Amino acid sequence: MKNPDSMSDKHPHIAVIGSGGAAMAAALKAAERGARITLIERGTIGGTCVNIGCVPSKILIRAAHIAHQRGESPFDAGLSAQAPEVNRPAMLAQQQGRVGELRNAKYEGILRDHPDITVLQGDARFLDTRSLLVRSSDGGEQTVHFDRALIGTGARPAIPPVSGLAETPYLTSTSALVLEEIPRRIMVIGASAVAVELAQAFARLGSQVTVLARSHLLSREDPAVGEAVEAAFHREGIEVLRQTEASRVDYLDNEFVVATDAGTLRADQLLVATGRTPNTDSLNLEAIGVETRGGSIITDDHMQTTVPGIHAAGDCTDQPRFVYVAAAGGSRAAVNMTGGDATLDLSAMPVVVFTDPQVATVGLTEAEAISQGLKVDTRFLDLENVPRALVNFDTNGFIKMVAEQGSGRLLGVQAVTGEAGELIQTAVMAIRARMTVQEIGDELFPYLTMVEGLKLCAQTFTKDVKQLSCCAA
């Protein structure tokens, strides 16, 4: 029988709050390094990504992509096309079945069989810097004493303070992914990754979609990125209203009535996708001295909070909100909680948005580099110059490179292409290796792959790629 409250300097007892990407990585790494773990989860084991985030959303997006291609593709002149019937209950069953399989294989099963990890179900609240009160759903309470702690409680959808919204049955990304039928009309408030991904997915499954963007799509990216995605949306009949905000929402006769800068709009469903807020409000952090900013836990480069011995990682912190960042942060926090010294370098962090075409970025945009005082050269390569795009008959998009003036060192890449998420890691490795655009242009890239576009874009710094043969070096 494992005793989660016993302590030892040789084998520290670590309390892990949460069971998502950061928490799970921390628990497993700390156990690997000799610690004993008490993992506390108040909801479903596995956190956001596997249950209500990455996994179900990418299944929905992939299904929508196939539905779109069956109804329309660049090869319709030679291949018959027919819009498919959407059996949403069957799609949902397949989606949730795979979610359950992955949750069991990657989270529940591992925890169930691990000899050094004890799982408690309940809400955790700090009593002091070395103990937690865990309250179960039946009202029972248990005090857990620990040597060190990792907070990995994640985040939830943020809801904007729009008049009337709270009194309506609006959707968040969580509830939208388990809708039992595809709505005839859906309005999306928001213009970041989750908003645009789900907007396009629902459009491809048959919804009439309107997106309300406070400024424009993907406004944190290079402006060309949002413009390319908006152009793709226009081609597919998705309405994007720029510089538009909702001022009031009502739900009347099974219909959402939304007052906006562009007039009164109506929809059968309303999806609110305006970011996420950290799950830290019930932890009693202020009382023990853990500082937060806007609810996000402030951490140093070792994932330690403002209280020694208490670490945090993932979406509940001030780190970028991506599951791979959460897992990396949790793993490194575990090393530090067990006597090691590990930091998290986010200088070459890839970002992928799963629209079609996909968006993928890494490093600095042109504006960011200039704001840091760097002198830069940039190149913008239309996909008409990429052989893979030409043979796909799909040349909508671009690849942009940002390089340091003089040295030619690669600083950043922004790509809007088919399968952009598959090419961006090559750019990540190039930035990590401090490669120059000349070196990238001289590398061997396999012909008729989208990643060859990186080589071609790099070559445009010194030559006109329109004058090269199709696979010229």
Protein backbone atom coordinates (compact mmCIF):
# COMPACT_ATOMS: atom_id res chain seq x y z
CA MET A 1 0.00 0.00 0.00
CA LYS A 2 1.43 3.35 -1.06
CA ASN A 3 1.43 6.05 1.60
CA PRO A 4 1.22 9.44 -0.15
CA ASP A 5 1.79 11.43 3.03
CA SER A 6 5.13 9.91 4.04
CA MET A 7 8.22 12.01 3.30
CA SER A 8 11.86 11.36 2.61
CA ASP A 9 14.74 13.52 1.48
CA LYS A 10 16.04 10.66 -0.64
CA HIS A 11 12.68 10.01 -2.25
CA PRO A 12 10.75 13.31 -2.19
CA HIS A 13 7.00 13.26 -2.11
CA ILE A 14 5.63 15.48 -4.88
CA ALA A 15 2.02 16.60 -5.13
CA VAL A 16 0.88 17.09 -8.72
CA ILE A 17 -2.36 19.02 -9.19
CA GLY A 18 -3.98 18.14 -12.50
CA SER A 19 -3.63 15.27 -14.97
CA GLY A 20 -3.18 16.93 -18.36
CA GLY A 21 -0.07 17.43 -20.47
CA ALA A 22 2.01 19.33 -17.90
CA ALA A 23 0.89 17.34 -14.88
CA MET A 24 1.27 13.93 -16.50
CA ALA A 25 4.74 14.71 -17.87
CA ALA A 26 5.82 16.00 -14.47
CA ALA A 27 4.47 12.99 -12.60
CA LEU A 28 6.12 10.46 -14.88
CA LYS A 29 9.47 12.24 -15.04
CA ALA A 30 9.60 12.80 -11.28
CA ALA A 31 8.74 9.15 -10.62
CA GLU A 32 11.44 8.10 -13.08
CA ARG A 33 13.89 10.14 -11.01
CA GLY A 34 12.94 8.47 -7.73
CA ALA A 35 10.12 10.62 -6.39
CA ARG A 36 6.80 9.40 -5.03
CA ILE A 37 3.79 11.18 -6.49
CA THR A 38 0.30 12.03 -5.36
CA LEU A 39 -1.65 13.20 -8.39
CA ILE A 40 -4.88 15.06 -7.71
CA GLU A 41 -7.56 15.50 -10.38
CA ARG A 42 -11.00 17.01 -9.85
CA GLY A 43 -12.45 16.08 -13.23
CA THR A 44 -11.68 13.66 -16.05
CA ILE A 45 -8.20 12.17 -16.14
CA GLY A 46 -6.18 13.46 -19.10
CA GLY A 47 -6.90 17.18 -19.07
CA THR A 48 -7.87 19.32 -22.03
CA CYS A 49 -5.89 17.99 -24.98
CA VAL A 50 -7.03 14.40 -25.15
CA ASN A 51 -10.56 14.96 -23.82
CA ILE A 52 -11.90 18.27 -25.11
CA GLY A 53 -9.12 19.91 -27.11
CA CYS A 54 -6.49 18.75 -29.57
CA VAL A 55 -7.67 15.19 -30.17
CA PRO A 56 -11.42 15.65 -30.74
CA SER A 57 -10.94 18.92 -32.61
CA LYS A 58 -8.44 17.45 -35.05
CA ILE A 59 -10.73 14.47 -35.65
CA LEU A 60 -13.58 16.87 -36.47
CA ILE A 61 -11.31 18.99 -38.68
CA ARG A 62 -10.05 15.93 -40.56
CA ALA A 63 -13.57 14.64 -41.14
CA ALA A 64 -14.59 18.08 -42.41
CA HIS A 65 -11.57 18.12 -44.75
CA ILE A 66 -12.60 14.79 -46.27
CA ALA A 67 -16.20 15.96 -46.60
CA HIS A 68 -14.98 19.06 -48.42
CA GLN A 69 -12.79 17.10 -50.84
CA ARG A 70 -15.60 14.68 -51.66
CA GLY A 71 -17.76 17.62 -52.60
CA GLU A 72 -15.11 19.79 -54.26
CA SER A 73 -11.47 19.41 -55.24
CA PRO A 74 -9.02 20.78 -57.83
CA PHE A 75 -9.46 17.52 -59.80
CA ASP A 76 -13.20 17.69 -60.38
CA ALA A 77 -12.68 17.95 -64.16
CA GLY A 78 -11.55 14.32 -64.16
CA LEU A 79 -13.01 12.94 -60.95
CA SER A 80 -16.69 12.94 -60.09
CA ALA A 81 -17.63 14.89 -56.99
CA GLN A 82 -20.64 14.50 -54.77
CA ALA A 83 -21.33 16.25 -51.48
CA PRO A 84 -21.52 13.59 -48.76
CA GLU A 85 -24.35 13.04 -46.32
CA VAL A 86 -23.21 13.96 -42.82
CA ASN A 87 -24.25 11.43 -40.18
CA ARG A 88 -23.31 13.51 -37.17
CA PRO A 89 -24.22 10.93 -34.48
CA ALA A 90 -21.97 8.34 -36.15
CA MET A 91 -19.16 10.91 -36.54
CA LEU A 92 -19.47 11.86 -32.89
CA ALA A 93 -19.40 8.24 -31.75
CA GLN A 94 -16.23 7.61 -33.75
CA GLN A 95 -14.64 10.80 -32.39
CA GLN A 96 -15.45 10.09 -28.76
CA GLY A 97 -14.49 6.45 -29.13
CA ARG A 98 -10.98 7.44 -30.19
CA VAL A 99 -10.83 10.01 -27.37
CA GLY A 100 -11.66 7.26 -24.87
CA GLU A 101 -9.08 4.90 -26.34
CA LEU A 102 -6.29 7.48 -26.13
CA ARG A 103 -7.28 8.62 -22.65
CA ASN A 104 -7.13 5.04 -21.41
CA ALA A 105 -3.88 4.20 -23.22
CA LYS A 106 -1.94 7.38 -22.45
CA TYR A 107 -3.34 8.49 -19.11
CA GLU A 108 -5.70 6.23 -17.13
CA GLY A 109 -3.92 2.98 -17.90
CA ILE A 110 -0.47 4.38 -17.13
CA LEU A 111 -1.60 5.89 -13.84
CA ARG A 112 -3.55 2.79 -12.84
CA ASP A 113 -0.50 0.56 -13.21
CA HIS A 114 2.23 2.89 -11.91
CA PRO A 115 3.64 1.79 -8.54
CA ASP A 116 4.92 5.22 -7.53
CA ILE A 117 1.88 7.37 -8.37
CA THR A 118 -1.23 7.59 -6.19
CA VAL A 119 -4.28 9.22 -7.77
CA LEU A 120 -6.80 11.17 -5.69
CA GLN A 121 -10.07 12.46 -7.13
CA GLY A 122 -11.08 15.83 -5.75
CA ASP A 123 -10.53 19.58 -5.55
CA ALA A 124 -7.13 20.64 -4.21
CA ARG A 125 -6.56 23.80 -2.19
CA PHE A 126 -3.29 24.91 -0.60
CA LEU A 127 -3.37 25.12 3.20
CA ASP A 128 0.24 26.29 3.33
CA THR A 129 3.42 25.85 1.30
CA ARG A 130 3.73 22.18 2.22
CA SER A 131 0.19 20.87 2.46
CA LEU A 132 -3.02 20.62 0.45
CA LEU A 133 -6.64 20.01 1.38
CA VAL A 134 -8.34 17.68 -1.09
CA ARG A 135 -12.13 17.64 -1.05
CA SER A 136 -13.87 14.83 -2.93
CA SER A 137 -17.22 15.10 -4.68
CA ASP A 138 -18.97 13.31 -1.80
CA GLY A 139 -17.78 15.97 0.65
CA GLY A 140 -14.93 13.96 2.17
CA GLU A 141 -11.69 15.76 2.96
CA GLN A 142 -8.06 14.65 3.09
CA THR A 143 -4.89 16.54 3.87
CA VAL A 144 -1.89 15.79 1.67
CA HIS A 145 1.55 16.82 2.91
CA PHE A 146 4.31 17.17 0.33
CA ASP A 147 7.94 18.12 -0.12
CA ARG A 148 7.35 19.87 -3.45
CA ALA A 149 4.36 20.55 -5.67
CA LEU A 150 3.59 20.98 -9.35
CA ILE A 151 0.54 22.97 -10.40
CA GLY A 152 -0.73 21.82 -13.78
CA THR A 153 -4.40 22.74 -13.64
CA GLY A 154 -4.73 24.00 -17.20
CA ALA A 155 -7.24 26.53 -18.47
CA ARG A 156 -10.86 26.83 -19.56
CA PRO A 157 -12.63 28.88 -22.26
CA ALA A 158 -12.70 32.59 -21.47
CA ILE A 159 -16.10 34.24 -21.76
CA PRO A 160 -16.20 37.92 -22.73
CA PRO A 161 -18.45 40.29 -20.73
CA VAL A 162 -21.01 40.78 -23.49
CA SER A 163 -24.41 41.94 -22.28
CA GLY A 164 -26.93 39.09 -22.19
CA LEU A 165 -24.44 36.38 -23.22
CA ALA A 166 -24.41 34.59 -19.87
CA GLU A 167 -28.19 34.04 -20.05
CA THR A 168 -27.99 32.24 -23.40
CA PRO A 169 -27.05 28.62 -24.31
CA TYR A 170 -23.90 29.68 -26.17
CA LEU A 171 -21.24 27.17 -27.18
CA THR A 172 -17.58 27.03 -26.21
CA SER A 173 -15.01 24.90 -27.98
CA THR A 174 -15.77 22.18 -25.42
CA SER A 175 -19.50 21.94 -26.14
CA ALA A 176 -19.16 22.65 -29.87
CA LEU A 177 -17.06 19.52 -30.32
CA VAL A 178 -19.85 17.30 -28.99
CA LEU A 179 -22.82 18.89 -30.77
CA GLU A 180 -25.20 16.13 -31.79
CA GLU A 181 -26.15 17.83 -35.03
CA ILE A 182 -24.51 20.26 -37.43
CA PRO A 183 -26.25 23.65 -37.13
CA ARG A 184 -27.71 25.30 -40.21
CA ARG A 185 -26.23 28.67 -39.18
CA ILE A 186 -23.42 29.20 -36.69
CA MET A 187 -21.80 32.46 -35.64
CA VAL A 188 -18.27 32.49 -34.19
CA ILE A 189 -17.09 35.24 -31.86
CA GLY A 190 -13.30 35.24 -32.03
CA ALA A 191 -10.58 35.12 -34.65
CA SER A 192 -7.68 33.17 -33.16
CA ALA A 193 -6.67 29.55 -33.79
CA VAL A 194 -9.61 27.74 -32.16
CA ALA A 195 -12.13 30.11 -33.73
CA VAL A 196 -10.86 29.77 -37.29
CA GLU A 197 -10.29 26.02 -37.07
CA LEU A 198 -13.82 25.29 -35.90
CA ALA A 199 -15.38 27.89 -38.19
CA GLN A 200 -13.96 26.18 -41.26
CA ALA A 201 -14.79 22.69 -39.97
CA PHE A 202 -18.46 23.54 -39.43
CA ALA A 203 -18.65 25.27 -42.80
CA ARG A 204 -17.29 22.18 -44.53
CA LEU A 205 -19.83 20.01 -42.74
CA GLY A 206 -22.69 22.13 -44.02
CA SER A 207 -23.13 25.14 -41.73
CA GLN A 208 -23.51 28.71 -42.90
CA VAL A 209 -20.74 30.39 -40.90
CA THR A 210 -20.15 34.00 -39.88
CA VAL A 211 -17.00 35.00 -37.99
CA LEU A 212 -16.87 38.17 -35.89
CA ALA A 213 -13.26 39.40 -35.69
CA ARG A 214 -12.46 42.25 -33.32
CA SER A 215 -9.63 43.26 -35.68
CA HIS A 216 -8.86 40.59 -38.29
CA LEU A 217 -8.15 36.86 -38.47
CA LEU A 218 -5.09 35.62 -36.55
CA SER A 219 -4.13 39.18 -35.66
CA ARG A 220 -1.06 38.14 -33.65
CA GLU A 221 0.61 36.73 -36.74
CA ASP A 222 2.21 38.47 -39.72
CA PRO A 223 -0.64 40.34 -41.47
CA ALA A 224 -0.18 38.22 -44.61
CA VAL A 225 -1.18 35.12 -42.63
CA GLY A 226 -4.61 36.42 -41.69
CA GLU A 227 -5.16 37.74 -45.20
CA ALA A 228 -4.41 34.33 -46.72
CA VAL A 229 -6.75 32.52 -44.32
CA GLU A 230 -9.49 35.08 -44.92
CA ALA A 231 -9.09 34.58 -48.68
CA ALA A 232 -9.49 30.83 -48.18
CA PHE A 233 -12.61 31.43 -46.11
CA HIS A 234 -14.03 33.70 -48.80
CA ARG A 235 -13.54 30.98 -51.41
CA GLU A 236 -15.52 28.59 -49.20
CA GLY A 237 -18.37 31.00 -48.49
CA ILE A 238 -17.43 31.76 -44.87
CA GLU A 239 -18.33 35.33 -43.98
CA VAL A 240 -15.67 37.23 -42.03
CA LEU A 241 -16.69 40.52 -40.46
CA ARG A 242 -13.57 42.50 -39.57
CA GLN A 243 -13.48 45.18 -36.87
CA THR A 244 -16.72 43.76 -35.50
CA GLU A 245 -17.70 43.09 -31.91
CA ALA A 246 -20.87 41.85 -30.27
CA SER A 247 -22.47 44.36 -27.88
CA ARG A 248 -25.46 42.26 -26.82
CA VAL A 249 -26.66 38.68 -27.23
CA ASP A 250 -30.23 37.41 -26.81
CA TYR A 251 -31.74 33.99 -27.35
CA LEU A 252 -35.28 34.26 -28.67
CA ASP A 253 -37.43 31.51 -30.22
CA ASN A 254 -34.48 29.09 -30.48
CA GLU A 255 -32.38 31.70 -32.27
CA PHE A 256 -29.41 33.82 -31.23
CA VAL A 257 -29.88 37.52 -31.91
CA VAL A 258 -26.56 39.36 -31.77
CA ALA A 259 -26.19 43.12 -31.84
CA THR A 260 -22.88 44.07 -33.50
CA ASP A 261 -21.04 46.95 -35.15
CA ALA A 262 -22.29 45.51 -38.45
CA GLY A 263 -25.95 45.45 -37.38
CA THR A 264 -28.15 42.76 -35.89
CA LEU A 265 -27.14 39.22 -36.85
CA ARG A 266 -28.95 35.92 -36.29
CA ALA A 267 -27.79 32.31 -35.96
CA ASP A 268 -28.94 28.94 -34.71
CA GLN A 269 -25.76 28.44 -32.65
CA LEU A 270 -23.24 30.87 -31.21
CA LEU A 271 -19.65 29.72 -30.60
CA VAL A 272 -17.59 31.86 -28.25
CA ALA A 273 -13.88 31.29 -28.93
CA THR A 274 -12.11 34.30 -27.45
CA GLY A 275 -9.21 32.65 -25.64
CA ARG A 276 -8.76 30.75 -22.40
CA THR A 277 -8.45 31.63 -18.74
CA PRO A 278 -6.29 29.70 -16.22
CA ASN A 279 -7.81 27.34 -13.65
CA THR A 280 -6.18 28.90 -10.60
CA ASP A 281 -8.96 30.72 -8.77
CA SER A 282 -9.76 27.92 -6.29
CA LEU A 283 -6.19 27.00 -5.31
CA ASN A 284 -5.73 29.65 -2.55
CA LEU A 285 -2.51 30.80 -4.21
CA GLU A 286 -2.53 34.36 -2.89
CA ALA A 287 -2.61 33.15 0.71
CA ILE A 288 0.62 31.17 0.31
CA GLY A 289 2.46 33.79 -1.75
CA VAL A 290 2.26 32.33 -5.27
CA GLU A 291 2.00 35.36 -7.54
CA THR A 292 -0.28 35.47 -10.55
CA ARG A 293 -0.97 37.92 -13.34
CA GLY A 294 -4.48 37.88 -14.76
CA GLY A 295 -4.89 34.51 -13.08
CA SER A 296 -1.81 33.05 -14.78
CA ILE A 297 0.88 31.76 -12.45
CA ILE A 298 4.18 33.59 -12.84
CA THR A 299 7.11 31.21 -13.28
CA ASP A 300 10.84 31.59 -13.81
CA ASP A 301 12.90 29.78 -16.44
CA HIS A 302 13.01 26.73 -14.16
CA MET A 303 9.18 26.62 -13.90
CA GLN A 304 9.35 27.63 -10.25
CA THR A 305 6.71 29.98 -8.87
CA THR A 306 7.44 32.82 -6.46
CA VAL A 307 7.35 30.22 -3.66
CA PRO A 308 10.38 27.89 -3.44
CA GLY A 309 9.41 24.27 -3.85
CA ILE A 310 6.21 25.01 -5.73
CA HIS A 311 6.45 24.76 -9.51
CA ALA A 312 3.89 25.22 -12.27
CA ALA A 313 3.64 24.43 -15.96
CA GLY A 314 1.18 24.51 -18.80
CA ASP A 315 -1.88 26.59 -19.52
CA CYS A 316 -2.32 27.77 -15.91
CA THR A 317 0.97 29.68 -16.16
CA ASP A 318 2.36 32.59 -18.16
CA GLN A 319 3.84 30.16 -20.70
CA PRO A 320 2.43 29.89 -24.25
CA ARG A 321 -0.68 27.70 -24.26
CA PHE A 322 0.29 24.68 -26.33
CA VAL A 323 0.21 21.11 -25.06
CA TYR A 324 3.78 20.41 -26.19
CA VAL A 325 4.98 23.46 -24.24
CA ALA A 326 3.00 22.21 -21.23
CA ALA A 327 4.53 18.74 -21.43
CA ALA A 328 8.04 20.12 -21.88
CA GLY A 329 7.54 22.49 -18.97
CA GLY A 330 6.16 19.76 -16.73
CA SER A 331 9.04 17.43 -17.53
CA ARG A 332 11.64 20.10 -16.80
CA ALA A 333 9.89 21.12 -13.60
CA ALA A 334 10.10 17.50 -12.47
CA VAL A 335 13.84 17.46 -13.11
CA ASN A 336 14.22 20.61 -11.02
CA MET A 337 12.04 19.26 -8.21
CA THR A 338 14.24 16.17 -7.98
CA GLY A 339 17.61 17.89 -7.75
CA GLY A 340 18.34 18.63 -11.41
CA ASP A 341 18.76 21.83 -13.37
CA ALA A 342 16.60 22.18 -16.49
CA THR A 343 15.26 25.20 -18.34
CA LEU A 344 12.74 25.63 -21.13
CA ASP A 345 13.95 27.46 -24.23
CA LEU A 346 11.02 28.81 -26.25
CA SER A 347 13.07 30.84 -28.72
CA ALA A 348 12.19 28.47 -31.58
CA MET A 349 8.67 27.39 -30.69
CA PRO A 350 6.56 26.08 -33.58
CA VAL A 351 2.89 27.05 -33.86
CA VAL A 352 0.39 25.31 -36.14
CA VAL A 353 -3.18 26.33 -36.96
CA PHE A 354 -5.13 23.48 -38.55
CA THR A 355 -7.09 25.39 -41.15
CA ASP A 356 -6.88 24.54 -44.84
CA PRO A 357 -4.41 25.73 -45.94
CA GLN A 358 -2.62 25.19 -42.67
CA VAL A 359 -0.75 27.98 -40.91
CA ALA A 360 2.64 27.25 -39.36
CA THR A 361 5.11 29.67 -37.84
CA VAL A 362 8.31 29.69 -35.84
CA GLY A 363 10.66 32.36 -34.57
CA LEU A 364 10.28 36.07 -35.20
CA THR A 365 7.96 37.86 -37.59
CA GLU A 366 9.38 40.77 -39.51
CA ALA A 367 7.72 43.25 -37.14
CA GLU A 368 8.95 41.43 -34.04
CA ALA A 369 12.53 41.33 -35.31
CA ILE A 370 12.50 45.04 -36.09
CA SER A 371 10.99 45.82 -32.67
CA GLN A 372 13.95 44.02 -31.11
CA GLY A 373 16.34 46.31 -32.95
CA LEU A 374 17.40 43.78 -35.56
CA LYS A 375 18.05 44.69 -39.17
CA VAL A 376 16.37 42.14 -41.38
CA ASP A 377 15.99 40.90 -44.92
CA THR A 378 12.77 39.09 -45.83
CA ARG A 379 11.53 37.05 -48.76
CA PHE A 380 7.97 36.10 -49.69
CA LEU A 381 7.51 33.04 -51.90
CA ASP A 382 4.15 32.45 -53.59
CA LEU A 383 3.20 28.80 -53.85
CA GLU A 384 3.10 29.10 -57.64
CA ASN A 385 6.87 28.61 -57.28
CA VAL A 386 6.63 25.38 -55.28
CA PRO A 387 6.39 22.21 -57.45
CA ARG A 388 4.39 20.28 -54.82
CA ALA A 389 1.72 22.98 -54.82
CA LEU A 390 1.65 23.05 -58.62
CA VAL A 391 1.06 19.31 -58.98
CA ASN A 392 -1.59 19.53 -56.26
CA PHE A 393 -3.33 22.23 -58.33
CA ASP A 394 -3.50 24.23 -55.11
CA THR A 395 -1.25 27.28 -55.08
CA ASN A 396 -3.10 29.37 -52.52
CA GLY A 397 -0.67 30.49 -49.83
CA PHE A 398 2.94 31.46 -49.31
CA ILE A 399 6.17 30.94 -47.38
CA LYS A 400 7.93 33.91 -45.81
CA MET A 401 11.41 33.95 -44.32
CA VAL A 402 12.91 36.55 -42.01
CA ALA A 403 16.72 36.66 -41.91
CA GLU A 404 19.27 38.82 -40.15
CA GLN A 405 20.74 41.38 -42.50
CA GLY A 406 24.41 40.77 -43.20
CA SER A 407 24.82 37.34 -41.60
CA GLY A 408 21.80 35.80 -43.31
CA ARG A 409 20.93 33.89 -40.12
CA LEU A 410 17.36 32.61 -40.19
CA LEU A 411 15.19 34.36 -37.60
CA GLY A 412 11.68 33.24 -38.47
CA VAL A 413 9.37 31.49 -40.90
CA GLN A 414 5.68 32.00 -41.60
CA ALA A 415 3.95 29.52 -43.89
CA VAL A 416 0.40 29.20 -45.17
CA THR A 417 0.39 26.02 -47.24
CA GLY A 418 -1.07 22.57 -47.48
CA GLU A 419 0.50 20.53 -44.66
CA ALA A 420 2.40 23.54 -43.34
CA GLY A 421 2.53 21.82 -39.97
CA GLU A 422 4.68 19.09 -41.48
CA LEU A 423 7.30 21.48 -42.88
CA ILE A 424 7.69 23.86 -39.94
CA GLN A 425 9.82 21.54 -37.80
CA THR A 426 12.56 21.73 -40.43
CA ALA A 427 12.56 25.50 -39.92
CA VAL A 428 12.64 24.97 -36.14
CA MET A 429 15.78 22.85 -36.43
CA ALA A 430 17.38 25.37 -38.79
CA ILE A 431 16.80 28.21 -36.32
CA ARG A 432 18.10 26.08 -33.44
CA ALA A 433 21.24 25.34 -35.47
CA ARG A 434 21.62 29.05 -36.31
CA MET A 435 21.65 28.22 -40.00
CA THR A 436 21.80 30.92 -42.64
CA VAL A 437 19.44 31.15 -45.58
CA GLN A 438 22.43 30.40 -47.82
CA GLU A 439 23.05 27.13 -45.95
CA ILE A 440 19.36 26.21 -46.15
CA GLY A 441 19.32 26.95 -49.87
CA ASP A 442 22.34 24.67 -50.37
CA GLU A 443 20.78 21.70 -48.52
CA LEU A 444 19.27 18.67 -50.25
CA PHE A 445 15.47 18.66 -50.03
CA PRO A 446 13.37 15.85 -51.54
CA TYR A 447 11.65 16.91 -54.74
CA LEU A 448 7.88 17.27 -54.81
CA THR A 449 7.51 17.78 -51.10
CA MET A 450 6.05 20.90 -49.56
CA VAL A 451 9.10 21.29 -47.32
CA GLU A 452 11.14 21.93 -50.47
CA GLY A 453 9.43 25.31 -50.38
CA LEU A 454 11.78 26.27 -47.54
CA LYS A 455 14.77 25.65 -49.77
CA LEU A 456 13.22 27.63 -52.61
CA CYS A 457 12.33 30.53 -50.34
CA ALA A 458 15.88 30.55 -48.98
CA GLN A 459 17.24 30.60 -52.52
CA THR A 460 15.23 33.74 -53.33
CA PHE A 461 17.61 35.73 -51.14
CA THR A 462 20.28 35.32 -53.84
CA LYS A 463 18.54 34.26 -57.08
CA ASP A 464 15.35 34.30 -59.10
CA VAL A 465 13.83 30.86 -58.55
CA LYS A 466 11.58 31.34 -61.57
CA GLN A 467 14.71 30.88 -63.67
CA LEU A 468 15.63 27.51 -62.13
CA SER A 469 14.73 24.12 -63.57
CA CYS A 470 12.05 22.34 -61.56
CA CYS A 471 14.46 20.50 -59.28
CA ALA A 472 17.57 22.64 -59.65
CA ALA A 473 19.99 23.11 -56.79
